Amino acid sequence: MKSVILFVGLVFSLSACGLGTVTRNKPALNNAASPQPTLAVAVATPIANSAEVMPAGVKVDKVQNVKFAGGKADDGWLWIDPDGEFAPTAHEFKNGRLMMAIPTNKDLYGGNRTAPRFLKAVSGDFQIETHVKFDPSQDYQGAGLLIYKDGDNYIRLERAFGGIGGGGSGIRLDTRVRGEYNSPVTPIDIPTKTTECDLKITRRLNVFSIYWRENENAEWRSLEDVETVFPETIQAGVMGCNTANEITAEFTNIRLSPQPLQPPY
């Protein structure tokens, strides 16, 4: 009987000291906030994978227009929603287009890497483009092209509103190479209120050339050449970010092509 009393006392002592409770530290959320203080923020678990696995890449030796059949994408394309278990991004593949309704607190910055994306692993030189229909109006909202190695190495070209280094409505280019973040182009540099535009990125070795145009009848405008240390195989596709009210992005004409011999302008 005395042993039982001693055992129970020991259990209570451990509980009082906090040894009976396991606390798991969560990464900090992106500090970007909606300008509306009453906005209900979804409970999300930021993703910051340090050991992401790159799928096997394919060479782009001919024009590949993404086609959707039976609500599914072509082989090799992956729908990735890192926070899908807690705050899934509703999306639909239909009639040659990808639509995504992006909830709040979906980002690809800092410790929050929950942005939904649609990617394919490619190797060597290539060109990717898309037509995006998007009407951002709150900080931060962006949708466009993504070149992705991992959370510390990527290029984002977006029709956007707000963001680091310059807000407002326009075209935005963000890069992260070896963990170093830069914003070479912000909406202050290229302001626009167009709700539809074309975006293009081409790769030649480790140089990525960035372009945009307001519509198919306009000339491509060169924005920047980004030099990287990316491996031969990376993922390329489209993505959406949102720290404000839910917003819908629509992508059509998602196309991979061989690297052109001349700049596309």
Protein backbone atom coordinates (compact mmCIF):
# COMPACT_ATOMS: atom_id res chain seq x y z
CA MET A 1 0.00 0.00 0.00
CA LYS A 2 2.84 2.37 0.80
CA SER A 3 4.40 1.68 -2.64
CA VAL A 4 1.15 2.58 -4.40
CA ILE A 5 0.93 5.89 -2.52
CA LEU A 6 4.54 6.69 -3.45
CA PHE A 7 3.85 5.87 -7.15
CA VAL A 8 0.74 8.10 -7.29
CA GLY A 9 2.63 10.93 -5.63
CA LEU A 10 5.40 10.58 -8.19
CA VAL A 11 2.90 10.80 -11.11
CA PHE A 12 1.35 13.99 -9.68
CA SER A 13 4.82 15.48 -9.18
CA LEU A 14 5.79 14.83 -12.80
CA SER A 15 2.53 16.34 -14.07
CA ALA A 16 3.02 19.44 -11.95
CA CYS A 17 6.49 19.88 -13.42
CA GLY A 18 5.12 19.67 -16.97
CA LEU A 19 7.01 16.46 -17.77
CA GLY A 20 3.82 14.65 -18.65
CA THR A 21 2.98 17.06 -21.50
CA VAL A 22 4.61 17.19 -24.94
CA THR A 23 4.59 20.59 -26.66
CA ARG A 24 5.28 20.79 -30.40
CA ASN A 25 6.68 24.05 -31.67
CA LYS A 26 5.03 25.36 -34.85
CA PRO A 27 6.78 27.57 -37.42
CA ALA A 28 5.82 31.22 -37.32
CA LEU A 29 3.13 32.33 -39.77
CA ASN A 30 3.81 34.88 -42.48
CA ASN A 31 3.57 38.33 -40.88
CA ALA A 32 1.71 39.79 -43.88
CA ALA A 33 -1.77 40.80 -42.76
CA SER A 34 -5.00 41.74 -44.46
CA PRO A 35 -5.87 45.43 -44.35
CA GLN A 36 -9.25 44.42 -42.94
CA PRO A 37 -8.88 43.80 -39.18
CA THR A 38 -12.12 41.82 -39.03
CA LEU A 39 -10.98 39.22 -41.57
CA ALA A 40 -11.29 35.69 -40.25
CA VAL A 41 -7.93 33.99 -40.67
CA ALA A 42 -7.92 30.28 -41.47
CA VAL A 43 -5.98 28.03 -39.12
CA ALA A 44 -3.05 26.83 -41.17
CA THR A 45 0.12 24.86 -40.59
CA PRO A 46 2.96 26.54 -42.54
CA ILE A 47 5.12 24.19 -44.54
CA ALA A 48 8.87 24.65 -44.57
CA ASN A 49 10.32 21.43 -45.92
CA SER A 50 14.08 21.28 -45.71
CA ALA A 51 14.35 18.05 -47.72
CA GLU A 52 11.88 18.25 -50.58
CA VAL A 53 12.14 15.49 -53.17
CA MET A 54 12.43 16.60 -56.80
CA PRO A 55 10.51 14.36 -59.24
CA ALA A 56 12.31 13.03 -62.31
CA GLY A 57 12.44 15.75 -64.96
CA VAL A 58 11.67 15.51 -68.66
CA LYS A 59 13.28 17.34 -71.57
CA VAL A 60 11.02 19.79 -73.37
CA ASP A 61 11.65 18.98 -77.02
CA LYS A 62 8.27 20.02 -78.43
CA VAL A 63 5.38 22.33 -77.59
CA GLN A 64 3.27 20.86 -74.79
CA ASN A 65 -0.11 22.45 -74.14
CA VAL A 66 -1.59 21.26 -70.87
CA LYS A 67 -4.82 19.42 -71.48
CA PHE A 68 -7.37 18.36 -68.91
CA ALA A 69 -9.43 15.23 -69.49
CA GLY A 70 -12.03 13.90 -67.08
CA GLY A 71 -11.10 16.49 -64.47
CA LYS A 72 -7.49 15.33 -64.43
CA ALA A 73 -4.26 16.88 -65.67
CA ASP A 74 -1.73 15.47 -68.13
CA ASP A 75 0.88 12.98 -66.94
CA GLY A 76 3.74 14.54 -65.02
CA TRP A 77 1.78 17.55 -63.79
CA LEU A 78 1.18 17.67 -60.05
CA TRP A 79 -1.40 19.60 -58.03
CA ILE A 80 0.34 20.56 -54.77
CA ASP A 81 -1.57 22.09 -51.86
CA PRO A 82 0.82 21.89 -48.87
CA ASP A 83 -1.85 22.98 -46.37
CA GLY A 84 -4.64 21.01 -48.00
CA GLU A 85 -5.40 19.01 -44.87
CA PHE A 86 -6.27 22.10 -42.81
CA ALA A 87 -7.32 24.72 -45.39
CA PRO A 88 -7.76 23.10 -48.81
CA THR A 89 -7.74 25.20 -51.95
CA ALA A 90 -10.81 24.40 -54.03
CA HIS A 91 -9.75 23.86 -57.65
CA GLU A 92 -11.11 22.54 -60.92
CA PHE A 93 -9.61 21.27 -64.16
CA LYS A 94 -12.19 21.88 -66.88
CA ASN A 95 -12.43 22.97 -70.52
CA GLY A 96 -8.69 23.59 -70.84
CA ARG A 97 -8.43 25.75 -67.77
CA LEU A 98 -7.37 25.52 -64.15
CA MET A 99 -9.41 27.48 -61.63
CA MET A 100 -8.41 27.82 -57.98
CA ALA A 101 -10.26 29.58 -55.16
CA ILE A 102 -7.36 30.62 -52.94
CA PRO A 103 -8.20 30.88 -49.22
CA THR A 104 -6.49 33.40 -46.97
CA ASN A 105 -3.06 32.72 -45.44
CA LYS A 106 -1.70 30.91 -48.50
CA ASP A 107 1.79 32.20 -49.20
CA LEU A 108 5.29 31.32 -50.37
CA TYR A 109 7.40 33.51 -48.15
CA GLY A 110 9.31 33.06 -44.90
CA GLY A 111 8.09 30.07 -42.92
CA ASN A 112 4.70 30.01 -44.66
CA ARG A 113 5.03 27.95 -47.82
CA THR A 114 1.43 26.90 -48.22
CA ALA A 115 0.75 28.44 -51.65
CA PRO A 116 -1.20 26.06 -53.93
CA ARG A 117 0.67 25.22 -57.12
CA PHE A 118 0.43 23.15 -60.30
CA LEU A 119 3.89 22.02 -61.44
CA LYS A 120 5.83 19.69 -63.70
CA ALA A 121 9.48 18.67 -63.34
CA VAL A 122 11.51 19.64 -66.42
CA SER A 123 15.20 19.36 -67.30
CA GLY A 124 17.43 21.61 -69.35
CA ASP A 125 16.38 24.68 -71.32
CA PHE A 126 12.70 25.42 -71.83
CA GLN A 127 10.01 28.09 -71.99
CA ILE A 128 6.77 28.26 -69.99
CA GLU A 129 3.86 30.64 -70.41
CA THR A 130 0.25 31.06 -69.36
CA HIS A 131 -2.72 33.37 -69.59
CA VAL A 132 -3.98 34.38 -66.15
CA LYS A 133 -7.32 35.92 -65.26
CA PHE A 134 -7.04 37.55 -61.86
CA ASP A 135 -8.29 40.72 -60.16
CA PRO A 136 -6.27 41.30 -56.95
CA SER A 137 -7.24 44.20 -54.72
CA GLN A 138 -5.92 43.45 -51.20
CA ASP A 139 -2.49 42.94 -49.71
CA TYR A 140 -1.23 40.37 -50.56
CA GLN A 141 -2.77 38.65 -53.59
CA GLY A 142 -0.84 37.21 -56.52
CA ALA A 143 -1.19 34.55 -59.23
CA GLY A 144 1.15 33.57 -62.02
CA LEU A 145 4.17 31.48 -63.00
CA LEU A 146 6.48 29.63 -60.63
CA ILE A 147 9.95 28.18 -61.17
CA TYR A 148 10.62 26.02 -58.13
CA LYS A 149 13.51 24.02 -56.69
CA ASP A 150 12.51 24.23 -53.03
CA GLY A 151 11.33 26.76 -50.44
CA ASP A 152 14.70 28.55 -50.53
CA ASN A 153 15.10 28.59 -54.31
CA TYR A 154 12.36 29.84 -56.62
CA ILE A 155 11.21 32.52 -59.08
CA ARG A 156 7.67 33.99 -58.95
CA LEU A 157 6.15 36.09 -61.75
CA GLU A 158 2.66 37.28 -60.82
CA ARG A 159 -0.23 39.58 -61.56
CA ALA A 160 -0.41 40.97 -58.04
CA PHE A 161 -1.50 43.52 -55.52
CA GLY A 162 0.82 44.68 -52.71
CA GLY A 163 3.87 42.96 -51.36
CA ILE A 164 7.34 43.79 -50.11
CA GLY A 165 9.09 46.75 -51.71
CA GLY A 166 6.03 48.26 -53.35
CA GLY A 167 2.28 47.86 -53.17
CA GLY A 168 -0.63 48.64 -55.43
CA SER A 169 -1.87 46.76 -58.46
CA GLY A 170 0.59 45.57 -61.09
CA ILE A 171 3.11 42.96 -62.22
CA ARG A 172 5.49 41.50 -59.67
CA LEU A 173 8.70 39.44 -59.81
CA ASP A 174 10.10 37.84 -56.65
CA THR A 175 13.14 35.58 -56.41
CA ARG A 176 14.75 33.51 -53.72
CA VAL A 177 18.16 32.01 -54.48
CA ARG A 178 20.03 30.12 -51.76
CA GLY A 179 17.62 31.63 -49.27
CA GLU A 180 18.28 35.23 -50.31
CA TYR A 181 15.03 37.02 -51.16
CA ASN A 182 14.74 39.84 -53.70
CA SER A 183 11.96 41.77 -55.47
CA PRO A 184 13.49 42.93 -58.79
CA VAL A 185 10.11 44.12 -60.12
CA THR A 186 7.19 45.42 -58.05
CA PRO A 187 3.76 46.87 -58.93
CA ILE A 188 5.33 50.32 -58.50
CA ASP A 189 7.63 49.51 -61.45
CA ILE A 190 4.88 48.05 -63.65
CA PRO A 191 1.47 49.25 -62.49
CA THR A 192 -1.61 47.82 -64.22
CA LYS A 193 -5.23 47.15 -63.41
CA THR A 194 -5.78 44.67 -66.21
CA THR A 195 -7.65 41.58 -65.05
CA GLU A 196 -6.08 39.36 -67.74
CA CYS A 197 -2.53 39.08 -69.03
CA ASP A 198 0.08 36.70 -70.43
CA LEU A 199 3.22 35.72 -68.50
CA LYS A 200 6.32 33.96 -69.82
CA ILE A 201 9.63 32.67 -68.43
CA THR A 202 12.42 31.16 -70.54
CA ARG A 203 15.47 29.28 -69.32
CA ARG A 204 18.87 29.14 -71.00
CA LEU A 205 21.37 27.30 -68.77
CA ASN A 206 21.08 29.13 -65.42
CA VAL A 207 19.62 32.38 -66.76
CA PHE A 208 15.85 32.86 -66.59
CA SER A 209 14.40 35.64 -68.76
CA ILE A 210 11.11 37.18 -67.65
CA TYR A 211 8.34 38.60 -69.89
CA TRP A 212 4.75 39.80 -69.76
CA ARG A 213 2.12 41.33 -72.06
CA GLU A 214 -1.41 42.61 -71.60
CA ASN A 215 -2.93 40.40 -74.32
CA GLU A 216 -2.02 38.20 -77.28
CA ASN A 217 -2.09 41.17 -79.65
CA ALA A 218 0.51 43.09 -77.63
CA GLU A 219 4.27 42.67 -77.83
CA TRP A 220 6.11 40.81 -75.10
CA ARG A 221 7.83 43.16 -72.67
CA SER A 222 11.14 42.05 -71.18
CA LEU A 223 11.33 42.59 -67.42
CA GLU A 224 14.51 41.03 -66.09
CA ASP A 225 17.15 38.34 -66.53
CA VAL A 226 17.60 36.33 -63.34
CA GLU A 227 20.84 34.38 -62.92
CA THR A 228 20.59 31.40 -60.57
CA VAL A 229 22.43 28.36 -59.28
CA PHE A 230 19.47 26.07 -59.90
CA PRO A 231 20.09 22.43 -60.89
CA GLU A 232 19.30 21.11 -64.37
CA THR A 233 15.98 19.72 -63.16
CA ILE A 234 13.46 22.07 -61.56
CA GLN A 235 9.67 22.33 -61.40
CA ALA A 236 7.76 24.82 -63.54
CA GLY A 237 4.09 25.78 -63.51
CA VAL A 238 1.56 28.13 -61.95
CA MET A 239 0.71 29.18 -58.41
CA GLY A 240 -1.45 31.48 -56.29
CA CYS A 241 -0.85 33.43 -53.06
CA ASN A 242 -3.31 35.23 -50.82
CA THR A 243 -3.20 36.87 -47.38
CA ALA A 244 -6.54 38.68 -47.75
CA ASN A 245 -10.10 37.66 -48.63
CA GLU A 246 -10.56 34.49 -50.70
CA ILE A 247 -9.93 35.15 -54.39
CA THR A 248 -10.24 33.11 -57.60
CA ALA A 249 -7.47 32.72 -60.19
CA GLU A 250 -8.05 31.20 -63.62
CA PHE A 251 -5.21 29.86 -65.79
CA THR A 252 -5.51 28.96 -69.47
CA ASN A 253 -2.98 28.24 -72.23
CA ILE A 254 -0.47 26.70 -69.82
CA ARG A 255 2.28 25.77 -72.27
CA LEU A 256 5.80 24.33 -72.15
CA SER A 257 8.00 24.83 -75.22
CA PRO A 258 11.65 24.36 -76.23
CA GLN A 259 13.84 27.38 -75.59
CA PRO A 260 13.49 29.70 -78.62
CA LEU A 261 16.58 30.67 -80.61
CA GLN A 262 15.63 34.35 -80.36
CA PRO A 263 14.02 36.36 -77.53
CA PRO A 264 10.19 36.28 -77.78
CA TYR A 265 9.64 39.92 -78.65
